[in-house]
N, C-alpha and C. Protein backbone atom coordinates (compact mmCIF):
# COMPACT_ATOMS: atom_id res chain seq x y z
N UNK A 1 -4.40 -8.10 21.85
CA UNK A 1 -3.29 -7.21 21.51
C UNK A 1 -3.86 -5.85 21.09
N UNK A 2 -3.16 -4.80 21.42
CA UNK A 2 -3.59 -3.46 21.08
C UNK A 2 -3.47 -3.23 19.57
N UNK A 3 -4.42 -2.47 18.99
CA UNK A 3 -4.42 -2.25 17.53
C UNK A 3 -3.12 -1.65 16.99
N UNK A 4 -2.51 -0.71 17.71
CA UNK A 4 -1.27 -0.10 17.22
C UNK A 4 -0.14 -1.12 17.14
N UNK A 5 -0.05 -1.98 18.14
CA UNK A 5 0.97 -3.03 18.13
C UNK A 5 0.70 -4.03 17.01
N UNK A 6 -0.56 -4.40 16.86
CA UNK A 6 -0.90 -5.37 15.81
C UNK A 6 -0.65 -4.79 14.44
N UNK A 7 -0.93 -3.50 14.25
CA UNK A 7 -0.68 -2.87 12.96
C UNK A 7 0.82 -2.86 12.66
N UNK A 8 1.65 -2.61 13.66
CA UNK A 8 3.10 -2.64 13.45
C UNK A 8 3.54 -4.04 12.99
N UNK A 9 2.96 -5.07 13.58
CA UNK A 9 3.27 -6.44 13.14
C UNK A 9 2.81 -6.66 11.70
N UNK A 10 1.62 -6.17 11.36
CA UNK A 10 1.13 -6.28 9.99
C UNK A 10 2.08 -5.57 9.02
N UNK A 11 2.51 -4.35 9.37
CA UNK A 11 3.39 -3.60 8.48
C UNK A 11 4.68 -4.36 8.22
N UNK A 12 5.23 -5.00 9.24
CA UNK A 12 6.45 -5.81 9.06
C UNK A 12 6.17 -7.01 8.17
N UNK A 13 5.01 -7.64 8.36
CA UNK A 13 4.64 -8.79 7.53
C UNK A 13 4.45 -8.35 6.07
N UNK A 14 3.89 -7.15 5.87
CA UNK A 14 3.71 -6.66 4.51
C UNK A 14 5.05 -6.49 3.82
N UNK A 15 6.04 -6.00 4.52
CA UNK A 15 7.38 -5.85 3.92
C UNK A 15 7.97 -7.22 3.58
N UNK A 16 7.69 -8.22 4.41
CA UNK A 16 8.12 -9.58 4.08
C UNK A 16 7.41 -10.05 2.81
N UNK A 17 6.12 -9.77 2.71
CA UNK A 17 5.37 -10.10 1.49
C UNK A 17 5.96 -9.39 0.28
N UNK A 18 6.33 -8.12 0.44
CA UNK A 18 6.95 -7.37 -0.65
C UNK A 18 8.22 -8.08 -1.13
N UNK A 19 9.01 -8.58 -0.20
CA UNK A 19 10.28 -9.23 -0.55
C UNK A 19 10.09 -10.65 -1.10
N UNK A 20 9.13 -11.39 -0.55
CA UNK A 20 9.03 -12.82 -0.86
C UNK A 20 7.86 -13.19 -1.77
N UNK A 21 6.85 -12.34 -1.86
CA UNK A 21 5.62 -12.61 -2.59
C UNK A 21 4.82 -13.77 -1.98
N UNK A 22 5.05 -14.05 -0.71
CA UNK A 22 4.35 -15.12 -0.02
C UNK A 22 3.22 -14.53 0.81
N UNK A 23 1.99 -14.61 0.28
CA UNK A 23 0.83 -14.02 0.96
C UNK A 23 0.50 -14.73 2.26
N UNK A 24 1.05 -15.90 2.49
CA UNK A 24 0.77 -16.63 3.74
C UNK A 24 1.18 -15.80 4.95
N UNK A 25 2.17 -14.93 4.81
CA UNK A 25 2.60 -14.11 5.95
C UNK A 25 1.54 -13.08 6.33
N UNK A 26 0.61 -12.78 5.40
CA UNK A 26 -0.44 -11.80 5.67
C UNK A 26 -1.71 -12.42 6.23
N UNK A 27 -1.90 -13.72 6.03
CA UNK A 27 -3.15 -14.37 6.42
C UNK A 27 -3.54 -14.13 7.87
N UNK A 28 -2.61 -14.17 8.84
CA UNK A 28 -3.02 -13.97 10.23
C UNK A 28 -3.50 -12.55 10.55
N UNK A 29 -3.36 -11.64 9.60
CA UNK A 29 -3.68 -10.24 9.87
C UNK A 29 -5.02 -9.78 9.28
N UNK A 30 -5.69 -10.62 8.50
CA UNK A 30 -6.93 -10.22 7.85
C UNK A 30 -8.04 -11.21 8.14
N UNK A 31 -9.25 -10.69 8.32
CA UNK A 31 -10.42 -11.56 8.42
C UNK A 31 -10.71 -12.12 7.03
N UNK A 32 -11.45 -13.21 6.97
CA UNK A 32 -11.79 -13.79 5.67
C UNK A 32 -12.64 -12.85 4.82
N UNK A 33 -13.44 -12.01 5.48
CA UNK A 33 -14.31 -11.09 4.74
C UNK A 33 -13.74 -9.66 4.68
N UNK A 34 -12.44 -9.54 4.82
CA UNK A 34 -11.78 -8.23 4.83
C UNK A 34 -12.08 -7.46 3.54
N UNK A 35 -12.10 -6.14 3.68
CA UNK A 35 -12.29 -5.24 2.54
C UNK A 35 -11.10 -4.29 2.50
N UNK A 36 -10.54 -4.11 1.30
CA UNK A 36 -9.50 -3.11 1.08
C UNK A 36 -10.03 -2.15 0.04
N UNK A 37 -10.13 -0.88 0.42
CA UNK A 37 -10.65 0.12 -0.50
C UNK A 37 -9.64 1.25 -0.62
N UNK A 38 -9.39 1.64 -1.87
CA UNK A 38 -8.47 2.72 -2.16
C UNK A 38 -9.28 3.84 -2.79
N UNK A 39 -9.18 5.02 -2.17
CA UNK A 39 -9.87 6.20 -2.67
C UNK A 39 -8.84 7.08 -3.37
N UNK A 40 -9.16 7.49 -4.59
CA UNK A 40 -8.27 8.31 -5.40
C UNK A 40 -8.60 8.08 -6.85
N UNK A 41 -7.80 8.61 -7.70
CA UNK A 41 -8.00 8.42 -9.13
C UNK A 41 -7.20 7.24 -9.64
N UNK A 42 -7.25 7.03 -10.96
CA UNK A 42 -6.45 5.97 -11.55
C UNK A 42 -4.96 6.28 -11.35
N UNK A 43 -4.14 5.33 -11.18
CA UNK A 43 -4.37 3.89 -11.27
C UNK A 43 -4.72 3.24 -9.95
N UNK A 44 -5.03 4.02 -8.93
CA UNK A 44 -5.12 3.47 -7.58
C UNK A 44 -6.50 3.03 -7.14
N UNK A 45 -7.54 3.79 -7.43
CA UNK A 45 -8.86 3.59 -6.84
C UNK A 45 -9.39 2.18 -7.09
N UNK A 46 -10.07 1.66 -6.08
CA UNK A 46 -10.70 0.36 -6.24
C UNK A 46 -11.16 -0.20 -4.91
N UNK A 47 -11.97 -1.24 -4.98
CA UNK A 47 -12.50 -1.91 -3.79
C UNK A 47 -12.33 -3.41 -3.99
N UNK A 48 -11.79 -4.07 -2.98
CA UNK A 48 -11.50 -5.50 -3.06
C UNK A 48 -12.08 -6.15 -1.82
N UNK A 49 -12.95 -7.12 -2.03
CA UNK A 49 -13.70 -7.74 -0.94
C UNK A 49 -13.31 -9.20 -0.79
N UNK A 50 -13.02 -9.59 0.45
CA UNK A 50 -12.60 -10.94 0.75
C UNK A 50 -11.09 -11.02 0.81
N UNK A 51 -10.59 -11.79 1.77
CA UNK A 51 -9.14 -11.87 2.00
C UNK A 51 -8.37 -12.26 0.74
N UNK A 52 -8.84 -13.24 0.01
CA UNK A 52 -8.10 -13.67 -1.19
C UNK A 52 -8.08 -12.57 -2.25
N UNK A 53 -9.19 -11.84 -2.38
CA UNK A 53 -9.23 -10.73 -3.34
C UNK A 53 -8.29 -9.61 -2.90
N UNK A 54 -8.23 -9.36 -1.60
CA UNK A 54 -7.31 -8.35 -1.08
C UNK A 54 -5.87 -8.75 -1.39
N UNK A 55 -5.53 -10.00 -1.13
CA UNK A 55 -4.16 -10.46 -1.39
C UNK A 55 -3.84 -10.41 -2.88
N UNK A 56 -4.80 -10.80 -3.71
CA UNK A 56 -4.58 -10.75 -5.17
C UNK A 56 -4.33 -9.31 -5.62
N UNK A 57 -5.09 -8.38 -5.07
CA UNK A 57 -4.88 -6.97 -5.44
C UNK A 57 -3.52 -6.48 -4.94
N UNK A 58 -3.18 -6.80 -3.71
CA UNK A 58 -1.88 -6.36 -3.19
C UNK A 58 -0.74 -6.90 -4.05
N UNK A 59 -0.82 -8.16 -4.43
CA UNK A 59 0.21 -8.75 -5.29
C UNK A 59 0.25 -8.05 -6.65
N UNK A 60 -0.91 -7.82 -7.25
CA UNK A 60 -0.96 -7.15 -8.55
C UNK A 60 -0.42 -5.72 -8.45
N UNK A 61 -0.73 -5.05 -7.36
CA UNK A 61 -0.25 -3.69 -7.16
C UNK A 61 1.27 -3.66 -7.02
N UNK A 62 1.81 -4.57 -6.24
CA UNK A 62 3.26 -4.63 -6.09
C UNK A 62 3.94 -4.99 -7.40
N UNK A 63 3.39 -5.97 -8.11
CA UNK A 63 3.99 -6.39 -9.38
C UNK A 63 3.85 -5.34 -10.47
N UNK A 64 2.74 -4.63 -10.47
CA UNK A 64 2.47 -3.66 -11.53
C UNK A 64 2.91 -2.25 -11.21
N UNK A 65 3.46 -2.06 -10.00
CA UNK A 65 3.89 -0.72 -9.62
C UNK A 65 5.18 -0.78 -8.81
N UNK A 66 5.09 -1.09 -7.52
CA UNK A 66 6.24 -1.00 -6.62
C UNK A 66 7.46 -1.77 -7.11
N UNK A 67 7.26 -3.01 -7.54
CA UNK A 67 8.40 -3.85 -7.93
C UNK A 67 8.99 -3.46 -9.27
N UNK A 68 8.35 -2.55 -9.99
CA UNK A 68 8.91 -2.09 -11.27
C UNK A 68 10.09 -1.14 -11.07
N UNK A 69 10.17 -0.54 -9.90
CA UNK A 69 11.20 0.45 -9.62
C UNK A 69 12.44 -0.21 -9.04
N UNK A 70 13.57 0.44 -9.23
CA UNK A 70 14.82 -0.08 -8.67
C UNK A 70 14.81 0.00 -7.15
N UNK A 71 14.25 1.09 -6.61
CA UNK A 71 14.16 1.22 -5.16
C UNK A 71 12.81 1.80 -4.75
N UNK A 72 12.42 1.46 -3.54
CA UNK A 72 11.18 1.94 -2.93
C UNK A 72 11.49 2.26 -1.48
N UNK A 73 11.17 3.48 -1.06
CA UNK A 73 11.42 3.89 0.32
C UNK A 73 10.12 4.40 0.92
N UNK A 74 9.79 3.89 2.10
CA UNK A 74 8.58 4.29 2.80
C UNK A 74 8.93 5.19 3.97
N UNK A 75 8.08 6.19 4.22
CA UNK A 75 8.31 7.12 5.30
C UNK A 75 6.98 7.38 6.01
N UNK A 76 7.03 7.38 7.31
CA UNK A 76 5.87 7.69 8.13
C UNK A 76 5.86 9.19 8.37
N UNK A 77 4.80 9.87 7.91
CA UNK A 77 4.70 11.32 8.06
C UNK A 77 3.97 11.73 9.33
N UNK A 78 2.99 10.93 9.73
CA UNK A 78 2.21 11.24 10.92
C UNK A 78 1.54 9.95 11.41
N UNK A 79 1.48 9.79 12.72
CA UNK A 79 0.90 8.59 13.28
C UNK A 79 1.96 7.51 13.41
N UNK A 80 1.57 6.28 13.59
CA UNK A 80 0.19 5.82 13.67
C UNK A 80 -0.48 6.27 14.96
N UNK A 81 -1.79 6.44 14.86
CA UNK A 81 -2.59 6.87 15.99
C UNK A 81 -3.95 6.20 15.91
N UNK A 82 -4.60 6.09 17.05
CA UNK A 82 -5.96 5.57 17.06
C UNK A 82 -6.93 6.71 16.79
N UNK A 83 -7.80 6.50 15.82
CA UNK A 83 -8.86 7.45 15.49
C UNK A 83 -10.15 6.68 15.34
N UNK A 84 -11.10 7.00 16.16
CA UNK A 84 -12.40 6.32 16.12
C UNK A 84 -12.24 4.80 16.17
N UNK A 85 -11.29 4.33 16.96
CA UNK A 85 -11.08 2.90 17.14
C UNK A 85 -10.26 2.23 16.06
N UNK A 86 -9.81 2.98 15.07
CA UNK A 86 -9.02 2.42 13.97
C UNK A 86 -7.61 3.00 14.00
N UNK A 87 -6.68 2.29 13.41
CA UNK A 87 -5.31 2.78 13.28
C UNK A 87 -5.23 3.66 12.04
N UNK A 88 -4.71 4.87 12.21
CA UNK A 88 -4.60 5.83 11.11
C UNK A 88 -3.16 6.32 11.03
N UNK A 89 -2.72 6.57 9.80
CA UNK A 89 -1.39 7.15 9.59
C UNK A 89 -1.32 7.85 8.23
N UNK A 90 -0.39 8.79 8.14
CA UNK A 90 -0.04 9.41 6.85
C UNK A 90 1.32 8.89 6.46
N UNK A 91 1.47 8.57 5.17
CA UNK A 91 2.70 7.96 4.68
C UNK A 91 3.20 8.66 3.42
N UNK A 92 4.43 8.38 3.09
CA UNK A 92 5.04 8.81 1.84
C UNK A 92 5.83 7.64 1.28
N UNK A 93 5.68 7.42 -0.01
CA UNK A 93 6.45 6.39 -0.70
C UNK A 93 7.26 7.08 -1.80
N UNK A 94 8.55 6.82 -1.82
CA UNK A 94 9.45 7.39 -2.82
C UNK A 94 10.00 6.25 -3.67
N UNK A 95 9.88 6.41 -4.98
CA UNK A 95 10.30 5.38 -5.93
C UNK A 95 11.38 5.96 -6.83
N UNK A 96 12.40 5.14 -7.09
CA UNK A 96 13.49 5.58 -7.95
C UNK A 96 13.82 4.50 -8.96
N UNK A 97 14.21 4.97 -10.14
CA UNK A 97 14.66 4.09 -11.19
C UNK A 97 15.67 4.85 -12.04
N UNK A 98 16.73 4.20 -12.49
CA UNK A 98 17.75 4.91 -13.27
C UNK A 98 17.16 5.61 -14.49
N UNK A 99 17.61 6.83 -14.72
CA UNK A 99 17.20 7.57 -15.91
C UNK A 99 15.87 8.28 -15.79
N UNK A 100 15.28 8.26 -14.60
CA UNK A 100 13.98 8.91 -14.40
C UNK A 100 14.01 9.69 -13.08
N UNK A 101 13.23 10.75 -13.00
CA UNK A 101 13.17 11.49 -11.72
C UNK A 101 12.44 10.66 -10.67
N UNK A 102 12.75 10.96 -9.43
CA UNK A 102 12.09 10.30 -8.31
C UNK A 102 10.58 10.55 -8.37
N UNK A 103 9.82 9.52 -8.05
CA UNK A 103 8.37 9.63 -7.96
C UNK A 103 7.98 9.53 -6.49
N UNK A 104 7.32 10.57 -5.97
CA UNK A 104 6.95 10.61 -4.56
C UNK A 104 5.44 10.70 -4.45
N UNK A 105 4.87 9.80 -3.64
CA UNK A 105 3.42 9.72 -3.45
C UNK A 105 3.13 9.80 -1.96
N UNK A 106 2.19 10.66 -1.58
CA UNK A 106 1.73 10.76 -0.20
C UNK A 106 0.31 10.21 -0.11
N UNK A 107 -0.01 9.66 1.04
CA UNK A 107 -1.36 9.16 1.25
C UNK A 107 -1.64 8.93 2.72
N UNK A 108 -2.84 8.44 2.98
CA UNK A 108 -3.28 8.10 4.33
C UNK A 108 -3.78 6.66 4.33
N UNK A 109 -3.60 6.00 5.45
CA UNK A 109 -4.10 4.64 5.59
C UNK A 109 -4.83 4.51 6.90
N UNK A 110 -5.93 3.76 6.87
CA UNK A 110 -6.71 3.46 8.06
C UNK A 110 -6.96 1.96 8.09
N UNK A 111 -6.72 1.35 9.23
CA UNK A 111 -6.98 -0.09 9.41
C UNK A 111 -7.93 -0.26 10.58
N UNK A 112 -9.06 -0.89 10.30
CA UNK A 112 -10.05 -1.19 11.33
C UNK A 112 -9.95 -2.68 11.65
N UNK A 113 -9.87 -2.98 12.92
CA UNK A 113 -9.66 -4.36 13.37
C UNK A 113 -10.92 -4.94 13.99
N UNK A 114 -11.07 -6.24 13.83
CA UNK A 114 -11.97 -7.07 14.61
C UNK A 114 -11.07 -8.04 15.34
N UNK A 115 -10.95 -7.87 16.63
CA UNK A 115 -9.96 -8.65 17.38
C UNK A 115 -8.57 -8.27 16.91
N UNK A 116 -7.77 -9.27 16.54
CA UNK A 116 -6.41 -9.04 16.06
C UNK A 116 -6.30 -9.02 14.55
N UNK A 117 -7.43 -8.96 13.85
CA UNK A 117 -7.40 -9.03 12.38
C UNK A 117 -8.02 -7.80 11.75
N UNK A 118 -7.45 -7.41 10.64
CA UNK A 118 -7.97 -6.26 9.89
C UNK A 118 -9.23 -6.70 9.17
N UNK A 119 -10.31 -5.97 9.39
CA UNK A 119 -11.57 -6.23 8.71
C UNK A 119 -11.77 -5.23 7.57
N UNK A 120 -11.16 -4.04 7.72
CA UNK A 120 -11.26 -3.02 6.68
C UNK A 120 -9.96 -2.22 6.64
N UNK A 121 -9.38 -2.14 5.46
CA UNK A 121 -8.17 -1.37 5.21
C UNK A 121 -8.50 -0.34 4.14
N UNK A 122 -8.18 0.91 4.42
CA UNK A 122 -8.45 1.97 3.46
C UNK A 122 -7.18 2.77 3.21
N UNK A 123 -6.95 3.09 1.95
CA UNK A 123 -5.92 4.05 1.58
C UNK A 123 -6.59 5.20 0.87
N UNK A 124 -6.16 6.40 1.18
CA UNK A 124 -6.63 7.60 0.49
C UNK A 124 -5.42 8.21 -0.18
N UNK A 125 -5.49 8.29 -1.49
CA UNK A 125 -4.42 8.91 -2.28
C UNK A 125 -5.04 10.09 -2.98
N UNK A 126 -4.66 11.30 -2.59
CA UNK A 126 -5.29 12.49 -3.16
C UNK A 126 -5.21 12.51 -4.68
N UNK A 127 -6.26 13.03 -5.30
CA UNK A 127 -6.34 13.08 -6.75
C UNK A 127 -5.10 13.69 -7.40
N UNK A 128 -4.52 14.77 -6.86
CA UNK A 128 -3.30 15.29 -7.49
C UNK A 128 -2.16 14.27 -7.54
N UNK A 129 -2.10 13.38 -6.55
CA UNK A 129 -1.07 12.33 -6.56
C UNK A 129 -1.34 11.34 -7.70
N UNK A 130 -2.60 10.97 -7.88
CA UNK A 130 -2.96 10.07 -8.97
C UNK A 130 -2.60 10.68 -10.32
N UNK A 131 -2.91 11.95 -10.47
CA UNK A 131 -2.59 12.64 -11.73
C UNK A 131 -1.09 12.71 -11.95
N UNK A 132 -0.32 12.96 -10.89
CA UNK A 132 1.13 12.99 -10.98
C UNK A 132 1.67 11.64 -11.45
N UNK A 133 1.15 10.56 -10.88
CA UNK A 133 1.60 9.22 -11.26
C UNK A 133 1.29 8.94 -12.73
N UNK A 134 0.11 9.30 -13.18
CA UNK A 134 -0.23 9.08 -14.59
C UNK A 134 0.71 9.87 -15.51
N UNK A 135 1.01 11.12 -15.15
CA UNK A 135 1.96 11.91 -15.97
C UNK A 135 3.35 11.29 -15.94
N UNK A 136 3.78 10.87 -14.75
CA UNK A 136 5.11 10.28 -14.61
C UNK A 136 5.22 9.05 -15.50
N UNK A 137 4.23 8.16 -15.42
CA UNK A 137 4.27 6.94 -16.25
C UNK A 137 4.20 7.28 -17.73
N UNK A 138 3.46 8.33 -18.08
CA UNK A 138 3.39 8.75 -19.48
C UNK A 138 4.74 9.16 -20.04
N UNK A 139 5.59 9.69 -19.18
CA UNK A 139 6.91 10.16 -19.63
C UNK A 139 8.04 9.16 -19.40
N UNK A 140 7.95 8.34 -18.35
CA UNK A 140 9.11 7.56 -17.93
C UNK A 140 8.89 6.06 -17.81
N UNK A 141 7.76 5.56 -18.22
CA UNK A 141 7.48 4.11 -18.06
C UNK A 141 8.55 3.25 -18.70
N UNK A 142 9.10 3.69 -19.82
CA UNK A 142 10.12 2.88 -20.51
C UNK A 142 11.40 2.75 -19.68
N UNK A 143 11.60 3.64 -18.74
CA UNK A 143 12.80 3.58 -17.87
C UNK A 143 12.67 2.46 -16.84
N UNK A 144 11.46 2.05 -16.56
CA UNK A 144 11.26 1.05 -15.51
C UNK A 144 11.79 -0.31 -15.90
N UNK A 145 11.57 -0.73 -17.11
CA UNK A 145 12.04 -2.05 -17.51
C UNK A 145 13.56 -2.13 -17.49
N UNK A 146 14.23 -0.99 -17.74
CA UNK A 146 15.67 -0.96 -17.73
C UNK A 146 16.22 -0.94 -16.30
N UNK A 147 15.44 -0.32 -15.37
CA UNK A 147 15.93 -0.13 -14.03
C UNK A 147 15.47 -1.17 -13.03
N UNK A 148 14.46 -1.91 -13.37
CA UNK A 148 13.90 -2.84 -12.39
C UNK A 148 14.52 -4.22 -12.52
């Protein structure tokens, strides 16, 4: 299967994981030795090695961030496209919760495949976005428990 098609299937499976918290839907998309690395500042930066560690991080990220908001909207800004044999795209995520201003984060994602499975997934979240998130949480974190 072509990488762009396989990535689209992965993206749909990720949304199922977001809704159900069932990591089994992601297993067919990652090699056992997959690496997920996030470049940026806190709270995002990190490296997770091995499929189970990747899934644990994804779950922790969703529980500690995305699922705290009343709504989450994803937007494709550019791509997906093949770059150096990997799938690349620019994205935007918009988060809303009652009593707080919208939080908007832009980033880039690259997925490198071995066969039909992701062997390396990278997200790049520019440092200004990380700083924005830290400021936002400093001012509005208490709104999340009421809105989520």
